[in-house]
Amino acid sequence: MRTTVDLNDQLYKQAKHLAAERHQTLTAVLEEGLRYLIQRKSSEKSRKPFKIITFKGDGLMPGVDLDDNSALADLMDEGLDADHRR
């Protein structure tokens, strides 16, 4: 099908350059780009929503500071013998 499309001058130059590099026509480059965008959009729709699994409880244990990695590691290692520590 023949149609007329208005393109930004810089985008047109970049597309023409890409077509020349790939030994393709401008039409082929535009068709490939449109196919890619359409395929990407349809694959986004088919993704299942991600569900975060949470556990019941009252939040963080007393003394837990999520901003202190060292302290978190120490808390997680409590009760482990030296062979099982990181």
PDB file of N, CA and C in Angstrom:
ATOM      1  N   MET A   1       0.854  -1.175   0.000  1.00  0.00           N
ATOM      2  CA  MET A   1       0.000   0.000   0.000  1.00  0.00           C
ATOM      3  C   MET A   1       0.894   1.231   0.000  1.00  0.00           C
ATOM      4  N   ARG A   2       0.529   2.196  -0.754  1.00  0.00           N
ATOM      5  CA  ARG A   2       1.284   3.440  -0.836  1.00  0.00           C
ATOM      6  C   ARG A   2       0.634   4.461   0.104  1.00  0.00           C
ATOM      7  N   THR A   3       1.483   5.159   0.863  1.00  0.00           N
ATOM      8  CA  THR A   3       0.981   6.191   1.770  1.00  0.00           C
ATOM      9  C   THR A   3       2.049   7.276   1.909  1.00  0.00           C
ATOM     10  N   THR A   4       1.649   8.397   2.468  1.00  0.00           N
ATOM     11  CA  THR A   4       2.573   9.499   2.716  1.00  0.00           C
ATOM     12  C   THR A   4       2.726   9.664   4.214  1.00  0.00           C
ATOM     13  N   VAL A   5       3.982   9.786   4.650  1.00  0.00           N
ATOM     14  CA  VAL A   5       4.267   9.930   6.076  1.00  0.00           C
ATOM     15  C   VAL A   5       5.174  11.139   6.254  1.00  0.00           C
ATOM     16  N   ASP A   6       4.869  11.993   7.215  1.00  0.00           N
ATOM     17  CA  ASP A   6       5.734  13.124   7.549  1.00  0.00           C
ATOM     18  C   ASP A   6       6.673  12.694   8.660  1.00  0.00           C
ATOM     19  N   LEU A   7       7.980  12.781   8.400  1.00  0.00           N
ATOM     20  CA  LEU A   7       8.988  12.398   9.384  1.00  0.00           C
ATOM     21  C   LEU A   7       9.825  13.608   9.771  1.00  0.00           C
ATOM     22  N   ASN A   8      10.278  13.599  10.989  1.00  0.00           N
ATOM     23  CA  ASN A   8      11.242  14.580  11.462  1.00  0.00           C
ATOM     24  C   ASN A   8      12.491  14.453  10.591  1.00  0.00           C
ATOM     25  N   ASP A   9      13.092  15.583  10.202  1.00  0.00           N
ATOM     26  CA  ASP A   9      14.249  15.561   9.307  1.00  0.00           C
ATOM     27  C   ASP A   9      15.392  14.697   9.833  1.00  0.00           C
ATOM     28  N   GLN A  10      15.707  14.828  11.104  1.00  0.00           N
ATOM     29  CA  GLN A  10      16.809  14.059  11.694  1.00  0.00           C
ATOM     30  C   GLN A  10      16.483  12.566  11.690  1.00  0.00           C
ATOM     31  N   LEU A  11      15.260  12.212  12.029  1.00  0.00           N
ATOM     32  CA  LEU A  11      14.849  10.812  12.014  1.00  0.00           C
ATOM     33  C   LEU A  11      14.928  10.239  10.603  1.00  0.00           C
ATOM     34  N   TYR A  12      14.511  11.026   9.617  1.00  0.00           N
ATOM     35  CA  TYR A  12      14.575  10.604   8.223  1.00  0.00           C
ATOM     36  C   TYR A  12      16.029  10.335   7.816  1.00  0.00           C
ATOM     37  N   LYS A  13      16.934  11.225   8.180  1.00  0.00           N
ATOM     38  CA  LYS A  13      18.347  11.049   7.836  1.00  0.00           C
ATOM     39  C   LYS A  13      18.921   9.794   8.492  1.00  0.00           C
ATOM     40  N   GLN A  14      18.573   9.581   9.751  1.00  0.00           N
ATOM     41  CA  GLN A  14      19.060   8.397  10.461  1.00  0.00           C
ATOM     42  C   GLN A  14      18.515   7.113   9.827  1.00  0.00           C
ATOM     43  N   ALA A  15      17.250   7.134   9.457  1.00  0.00           N
ATOM     44  CA  ALA A  15      16.641   5.957   8.841  1.00  0.00           C
ATOM     45  C   ALA A  15      17.253   5.677   7.474  1.00  0.00           C
ATOM     46  N   LYS A  16      17.501   6.724   6.684  1.00  0.00           N
ATOM     47  CA  LYS A  16      18.139   6.551   5.374  1.00  0.00           C
ATOM     48  C   LYS A  16      19.553   5.988   5.541  1.00  0.00           C
ATOM     49  N   HIS A  17      20.287   6.498   6.526  1.00  0.00           N
ATOM     50  CA  HIS A  17      21.635   6.017   6.794  1.00  0.00           C
ATOM     51  C   HIS A  17      21.608   4.533   7.190  1.00  0.00           C
ATOM     52  N   LEU A  18      20.674   4.164   8.062  1.00  0.00           N
ATOM     53  CA  LEU A  18      20.532   2.773   8.487  1.00  0.00           C
ATOM     54  C   LEU A  18      20.202   1.876   7.295  1.00  0.00           C
ATOM     55  N   ALA A  19      19.287   2.343   6.449  1.00  0.00           N
ATOM     56  CA  ALA A  19      18.912   1.575   5.259  1.00  0.00           C
ATOM     57  C   ALA A  19      20.127   1.351   4.360  1.00  0.00           C
ATOM     58  N   ALA A  20      20.936   2.374   4.171  1.00  0.00           N
ATOM     59  CA  ALA A  20      22.125   2.249   3.332  1.00  0.00           C
ATOM     60  C   ALA A  20      23.128   1.274   3.941  1.00  0.00           C
ATOM     61  N   GLU A  21      23.330   1.360   5.258  1.00  0.00           N
ATOM     62  CA  GLU A  21      24.245   0.445   5.941  1.00  0.00           C
ATOM     63  C   GLU A  21      23.819  -1.007   5.772  1.00  0.00           C
ATOM     64  N   ARG A  22      22.516  -1.231   5.809  1.00  0.00           N
ATOM     65  CA  ARG A  22      21.978  -2.594   5.750  1.00  0.00           C
ATOM     66  C   ARG A  22      21.642  -3.044   4.331  1.00  0.00           C
ATOM     67  N   HIS A  23      21.925  -2.180   3.371  1.00  0.00           N
ATOM     68  CA  HIS A  23      21.606  -2.479   1.962  1.00  0.00           C
ATOM     69  C   HIS A  23      20.113  -2.796   1.806  1.00  0.00           C
ATOM     70  N   GLN A  24      19.293  -1.955   2.424  1.00  0.00           N
ATOM     71  CA  GLN A  24      17.844  -2.100   2.368  1.00  0.00           C
ATOM     72  C   GLN A  24      17.237  -0.798   1.872  1.00  0.00           C
ATOM     73  N   THR A  25      15.971  -0.873   1.528  1.00  0.00           N
ATOM     74  CA  THR A  25      15.245   0.351   1.185  1.00  0.00           C
ATOM     75  C   THR A  25      14.749   1.000   2.470  1.00  0.00           C
ATOM     76  N   LEU A  26      14.424   2.267   2.362  1.00  0.00           N
ATOM     77  CA  LEU A  26      13.832   2.960   3.507  1.00  0.00           C
ATOM     78  C   LEU A  26      12.523   2.283   3.901  1.00  0.00           C
ATOM     79  N   THR A  27      11.760   1.849   2.927  1.00  0.00           N
ATOM     80  CA  THR A  27      10.494   1.158   3.196  1.00  0.00           C
ATOM     81  C   THR A  27      10.735  -0.089   4.043  1.00  0.00           C
ATOM     82  N   ALA A  28      11.763  -0.869   3.707  1.00  0.00           N
ATOM     83  CA  ALA A  28      12.053  -2.088   4.463  1.00  0.00           C
ATOM     84  C   ALA A  28      12.417  -1.771   5.913  1.00  0.00           C
ATOM     85  N   VAL A  29      13.180  -0.711   6.117  1.00  0.00           N
ATOM     86  CA  VAL A  29      13.563  -0.311   7.481  1.00  0.00           C
ATOM     87  C   VAL A  29      12.332   0.133   8.270  1.00  0.00           C
ATOM     88  N   LEU A  30      11.479   0.923   7.657  1.00  0.00           N
ATOM     89  CA  LEU A  30      10.258   1.385   8.333  1.00  0.00           C
ATOM     90  C   LEU A  30       9.329   0.213   8.653  1.00  0.00           C
ATOM     91  N   GLU A  31       9.187  -0.713   7.706  1.00  0.00           N
ATOM     92  CA  GLU A  31       8.333  -1.889   7.951  1.00  0.00           C
ATOM     93  C   GLU A  31       8.868  -2.721   9.105  1.00  0.00           C
ATOM     94  N   GLU A  32      10.185  -2.922   9.140  1.00  0.00           N
ATOM     95  CA  GLU A  32      10.787  -3.700  10.221  1.00  0.00           C
ATOM     96  C   GLU A  32      10.559  -3.033  11.571  1.00  0.00           C
ATOM     97  N   GLY A  33      10.717  -1.715  11.610  1.00  0.00           N
ATOM     98  CA  GLY A  33      10.492  -0.981  12.855  1.00  0.00           C
ATOM     99  C   GLY A  33       9.052  -1.077  13.328  1.00  0.00           C
ATOM    100  N   LEU A  34       8.120  -0.956  12.407  1.00  0.00           N
ATOM    101  CA  LEU A  34       6.704  -1.062  12.782  1.00  0.00           C
ATOM    102  C   LEU A  34       6.365  -2.471  13.259  1.00  0.00           C
ATOM    103  N   ARG A  35       6.890  -3.477  12.559  1.00  0.00           N
ATOM    104  CA  ARG A  35       6.636  -4.865  12.993  1.00  0.00           C
ATOM    105  C   ARG A  35       7.174  -5.099  14.401  1.00  0.00           C
ATOM    106  N   TYR A  36       8.364  -4.584  14.660  1.00  0.00           N
ATOM    107  CA  TYR A  36       8.967  -4.737  15.974  1.00  0.00           C
ATOM    108  C   TYR A  36       8.090  -4.112  17.057  1.00  0.00           C
ATOM    109  N   LEU A  37       7.633  -2.890  16.827  1.00  0.00           N
ATOM    110  CA  LEU A  37       6.802  -2.207  17.827  1.00  0.00           C
ATOM    111  C   LEU A  37       5.475  -2.918  18.051  1.00  0.00           C
ATOM    112  N   ILE A  38       4.871  -3.391  16.977  1.00  0.00           N
ATOM    113  CA  ILE A  38       3.592  -4.096  17.102  1.00  0.00           C
ATOM    114  C   ILE A  38       3.785  -5.418  17.837  1.00  0.00           C
ATOM    115  N   GLN A  39       4.834  -6.158  17.507  1.00  0.00           N
ATOM    116  CA  GLN A  39       5.113  -7.433  18.170  1.00  0.00           C
ATOM    117  C   GLN A  39       5.399  -7.209  19.652  1.00  0.00           C
ATOM    118  N   ARG A  40       6.182  -6.180  19.963  1.00  0.00           N
ATOM    119  CA  ARG A  40       6.526  -5.872  21.350  1.00  0.00           C
ATOM    120  C   ARG A  40       5.280  -5.540  22.155  1.00  0.00           C
ATOM    121  N   LYS A  41       4.401  -4.758  21.564  1.00  0.00           N
ATOM    122  CA  LYS A  41       3.173  -4.384  22.272  1.00  0.00           C
ATOM    123  C   LYS A  41       2.301  -5.611  22.531  1.00  0.00           C
ATOM    124  N   SER A  42       2.189  -6.507  21.553  1.00  0.00           N
ATOM    125  CA  SER A  42       1.352  -7.690  21.751  1.00  0.00           C
ATOM    126  C   SER A  42       1.965  -8.643  22.768  1.00  0.00           C
ATOM    127  N   SER A  43       3.310  -8.716  22.848  1.00  0.00           N
ATOM    128  CA  SER A  43       3.932  -9.595  23.842  1.00  0.00           C
ATOM    129  C   SER A  43       3.780  -9.013  25.243  1.00  0.00           C
ATOM    130  N   GLU A  44       3.724  -7.689  25.372  1.00  0.00           N
ATOM    131  CA  GLU A  44       3.509  -7.072  26.682  1.00  0.00           C
ATOM    132  C   GLU A  44       2.118  -7.419  27.207  1.00  0.00           C
ATOM    133  N   LYS A  45       1.131  -7.474  26.319  1.00  0.00           N
ATOM    134  CA  LYS A  45      -0.225  -7.804  26.728  1.00  0.00           C
ATOM    135  C   LYS A  45      -0.332  -9.245  27.204  1.00  0.00           C
ATOM    136  N   SER A  46       0.469 -10.146  26.640  1.00  0.00           N
ATOM    137  CA  SER A  46       0.350 -11.559  26.966  1.00  0.00           C
ATOM    138  C   SER A  46       1.071 -11.941  28.254  1.00  0.00           C
ATOM    139  N   ARG A  47       1.853 -11.035  28.813  1.00  0.00           N
ATOM    140  CA  ARG A  47       2.539 -11.338  30.070  1.00  0.00           C
ATOM    141  C   ARG A  47       1.537 -11.437  31.205  1.00  0.00           C
ATOM    142  N   LYS A  48       1.763 -12.406  32.065  1.00  0.00           N
ATOM    143  CA  LYS A  48       0.916 -12.535  33.243  1.00  0.00           C
ATOM    144  C   LYS A  48       1.391 -11.532  34.290  1.00  0.00           C
ATOM    145  N   PRO A  49       0.471 -10.963  35.050  1.00  0.00           N
ATOM    146  CA  PRO A  49       0.883 -10.016  36.089  1.00  0.00           C
ATOM    147  C   PRO A  49       1.753 -10.722  37.130  1.00  0.00           C
ATOM    148  N   PHE A  50       2.750 -10.014  37.599  1.00  0.00           N
ATOM    149  CA  PHE A  50       3.642 -10.547  38.617  1.00  0.00           C
ATOM    150  C   PHE A  50       2.997 -10.360  39.979  1.00  0.00           C
ATOM    151  N   LYS A  51       2.928 -11.426  40.744  1.00  0.00           N
ATOM    152  CA  LYS A  51       2.319 -11.355  42.061  1.00  0.00           C
ATOM    153  C   LYS A  51       3.400 -11.527  43.126  1.00  0.00           C
ATOM    154  N   ILE A  52       3.491 -10.575  44.013  1.00  0.00           N
ATOM    155  CA  ILE A  52       4.466 -10.634  45.099  1.00  0.00           C
ATOM    156  C   ILE A  52       3.885 -11.469  46.234  1.00  0.00           C
ATOM    157  N   ILE A  53       4.646 -12.447  46.661  1.00  0.00           N
ATOM    158  CA  ILE A  53       4.197 -13.312  47.756  1.00  0.00           C
ATOM    159  C   ILE A  53       4.650 -12.688  49.068  1.00  0.00           C
ATOM    160  N   THR A  54       3.720 -12.507  49.956  1.00  0.00           N
ATOM    161  CA  THR A  54       4.039 -11.940  51.264  1.00  0.00           C
ATOM    162  C   THR A  54       3.611 -12.915  52.353  1.00  0.00           C
ATOM    163  N   PHE A  55       4.101 -12.704  53.541  1.00  0.00           N
ATOM    164  CA  PHE A  55       3.791 -13.571  54.667  1.00  0.00           C
ATOM    165  C   PHE A  55       3.174 -12.724  55.769  1.00  0.00           C
ATOM    166  N   LYS A  56       2.316 -13.356  56.527  1.00  0.00           N
ATOM    167  CA  LYS A  56       1.678 -12.647  57.635  1.00  0.00           C
ATOM    168  C   LYS A  56       2.714 -12.337  58.708  1.00  0.00           C
ATOM    169  N   GLY A  57       2.458 -11.314  59.434  1.00  0.00           N
ATOM    170  CA  GLY A  57       3.366 -10.957  60.517  1.00  0.00           C
ATOM    171  C   GLY A  57       3.170  -9.506  60.907  1.00  0.00           C
ATOM    172  N   ASP A  58       3.990  -9.065  61.824  1.00  0.00           N
ATOM    173  CA  ASP A  58       3.879  -7.710  62.349  1.00  0.00           C
ATOM    174  C   ASP A  58       4.984  -6.801  61.828  1.00  0.00           C
ATOM    175  N   GLY A  59       5.562  -7.138  60.696  1.00  0.00           N
ATOM    176  CA  GLY A  59       6.620  -6.291  60.157  1.00  0.00           C
ATOM    177  C   GLY A  59       7.989  -6.774  60.587  1.00  0.00           C
ATOM    178  N   LEU A  60       8.919  -5.850  60.649  1.00  0.00           N
ATOM    179  CA  LEU A  60      10.295  -6.197  60.987  1.00  0.00           C
ATOM    180  C   LEU A  60      10.449  -6.549  62.462  1.00  0.00           C
ATOM    181  N   MET A  61      11.411  -7.420  62.702  1.00  0.00           N
ATOM    182  CA  MET A  61      11.744  -7.739  64.093  1.00  0.00           C
ATOM    183  C   MET A  61      12.419  -6.518  64.710  1.00  0.00           C
ATOM    184  N   PRO A  62      12.292  -6.362  66.016  1.00  0.00           N
ATOM    185  CA  PRO A  62      12.971  -5.242  66.674  1.00  0.00           C
ATOM    186  C   PRO A  62      14.475  -5.297  66.413  1.00  0.00           C
ATOM    187  N   GLY A  63      15.060  -4.156  66.113  1.00  0.00           N
ATOM    188  CA  GLY A  63      16.491  -4.061  65.893  1.00  0.00           C
ATOM    189  C   GLY A  63      16.928  -4.298  64.458  1.00  0.00           C
ATOM    190  N   VAL A  64      15.996  -4.627  63.570  1.00  0.00           N
ATOM    191  CA  VAL A  64      16.362  -4.868  62.173  1.00  0.00           C
ATOM    192  C   VAL A  64      16.360  -3.545  61.421  1.00  0.00           C
ATOM    193  N   ASP A  65      17.483  -3.240  60.790  1.00  0.00           N
ATOM    194  CA  ASP A  65      17.624  -2.029  59.991  1.00  0.00           C
ATOM    195  C   ASP A  65      17.935  -2.445  58.558  1.00  0.00           C
ATOM    196  N   LEU A  66      16.973  -2.293  57.662  1.00  0.00           N
ATOM    197  CA  LEU A  66      17.144  -2.731  56.281  1.00  0.00           C
ATOM    198  C   LEU A  66      18.200  -1.928  55.527  1.00  0.00           C
ATOM    199  N   ASP A  67      18.607  -0.809  56.074  1.00  0.00           N
ATOM    200  CA  ASP A  67      19.634   0.014  55.429  1.00  0.00           C
ATOM    201  C   ASP A  67      21.051  -0.367  55.854  1.00  0.00           C
ATOM    202  N   ASP A  68      21.187  -1.328  56.765  1.00  0.00           N
ATOM    203  CA  ASP A  68      22.502  -1.722  57.275  1.00  0.00           C
ATOM    204  C   ASP A  68      22.774  -3.177  56.891  1.00  0.00           C
ATOM    205  N   ASN A  69      23.458  -3.373  55.751  1.00  0.00           N
ATOM    206  CA  ASN A  69      23.703  -4.726  55.247  1.00  0.00           C
ATOM    207  C   ASN A  69      24.508  -5.581  56.216  1.00  0.00           C
ATOM    208  N   SER A  70      25.476  -4.985  56.840  1.00  0.00           N
ATOM    209  CA  SER A  70      26.328  -5.729  57.766  1.00  0.00           C
ATOM    210  C   SER A  70      25.511  -6.248  58.948  1.00  0.00           C
ATOM    211  N   ALA A  71      24.672  -5.396  59.503  1.00  0.00           N
ATOM    212  CA  ALA A  71      23.841  -5.801  60.633  1.00  0.00           C
ATOM    213  C   ALA A  71      22.841  -6.874  60.210  1.00  0.00           C
ATOM    214  N   LEU A  72      22.300  -6.752  58.997  1.00  0.00           N
ATOM    215  CA  LEU A  72      21.378  -7.779  58.503  1.00  0.00           C
ATOM    216  C   LEU A  72      22.074  -9.118  58.367  1.00  0.00           C
ATOM    217  N   ALA A  73      23.284  -9.110  57.825  1.00  0.00           N
ATOM    218  CA  ALA A  73      24.045 -10.355  57.675  1.00  0.00           C
ATOM    219  C   ALA A  73      24.309 -10.984  59.034  1.00  0.00           C
ATOM    220  N   ASP A  74      24.657 -10.157  60.016  1.00  0.00           N
ATOM    221  CA  ASP A  74      24.900 -10.677  61.364  1.00  0.00           C
ATOM    222  C   ASP A  74      23.643 -11.310  61.944  1.00  0.00           C
ATOM    223  N   LEU A  75      22.486 -10.667  61.753  1.00  0.00           N
ATOM    224  CA  LEU A  75      21.234 -11.219  62.260  1.00  0.00           C
ATOM    225  C   LEU A  75      20.893 -12.540  61.574  1.00  0.00           C
ATOM    226  N   MET A  76      21.121 -12.619  60.266  1.00  0.00           N
ATOM    227  CA  MET A  76      20.806 -13.846  59.538  1.00  0.00           C
ATOM    228  C   MET A  76      21.759 -14.972  59.913  1.00  0.00           C
ATOM    229  N   ASP A  77      22.987 -14.627  60.309  1.00  0.00           N
ATOM    230  CA  ASP A  77      23.973 -15.631  60.670  1.00  0.00           C
ATOM    231  C   ASP A  77      23.859 -16.078  62.123  1.00  0.00           C
ATOM    232  N   GLU A  78      23.058 -15.389  62.929  1.00  0.00           N
ATOM    233  CA  GLU A  78      22.931 -15.758  64.344  1.00  0.00           C
ATOM    234  C   GLU A  78      22.482 -17.205  64.459  1.00  0.00           C
ATOM    235  N   GLY A  79      23.113 -17.926  65.326  1.00  0.00           N
ATOM    236  CA  GLY A  79      22.723 -19.310  65.568  1.00  0.00           C
ATOM    237  C   GLY A  79      23.386 -20.305  64.627  1.00  0.00           C
ATOM    238  N   LEU A  80      24.105 -19.831  63.638  1.00  0.00           N
ATOM    239  CA  LEU A  80      24.817 -20.737  62.738  1.00  0.00           C
ATOM    240  C   LEU A  80      26.233 -20.933  63.232  1.00  0.00           C
ATOM    241  N   ASP A  81      26.735 -22.152  63.113  1.00  0.00           N
ATOM    242  CA  ASP A  81      28.132 -22.357  63.497  1.00  0.00           C
ATOM    243  C   ASP A  81      29.038 -21.807  62.397  1.00  0.00           C
ATOM    244  N   ALA A  82      30.314 -21.722  62.650  1.00  0.00           N
ATOM    245  CA  ALA A  82      31.271 -21.081  61.725  1.00  0.00           C
ATOM    246  C   ALA A  82      31.290 -21.753  60.363  1.00  0.00           C
ATOM    247  N   ASP A  83      31.032 -23.059  60.280  1.00  0.00           N
ATOM    248  CA  ASP A  83      31.053 -23.762  58.995  1.00  0.00           C
ATOM    249  C   ASP A  83      29.910 -23.348  58.073  1.00  0.00           C
ATOM    250  N   HIS A  84      28.832 -22.850  58.634  1.00  0.00           N
ATOM    251  CA  HIS A  84      27.657 -22.497  57.832  1.00  0.00           C
ATOM    252  C   HIS A  84      27.535 -21.024  57.534  1.00  0.00           C
ATOM    253  N   ARG A  85      28.436 -20.225  58.063  1.00  0.00           N
ATOM    254  CA  ARG A  85      28.385 -18.782  57.799  1.00  0.00           C
ATOM    255  C   ARG A  85      28.990 -18.491  56.443  1.00  0.00           C
ATOM    256  N   ARG A  86      28.612 -17.358  55.879  1.00  0.00           N
ATOM    257  CA  ARG A  86      29.110 -16.963  54.560  1.00  0.00           C
ATOM    258  C   ARG A  86      30.584 -16.763  54.551  1.00  0.00           C
TER     259      ARG A  86
END
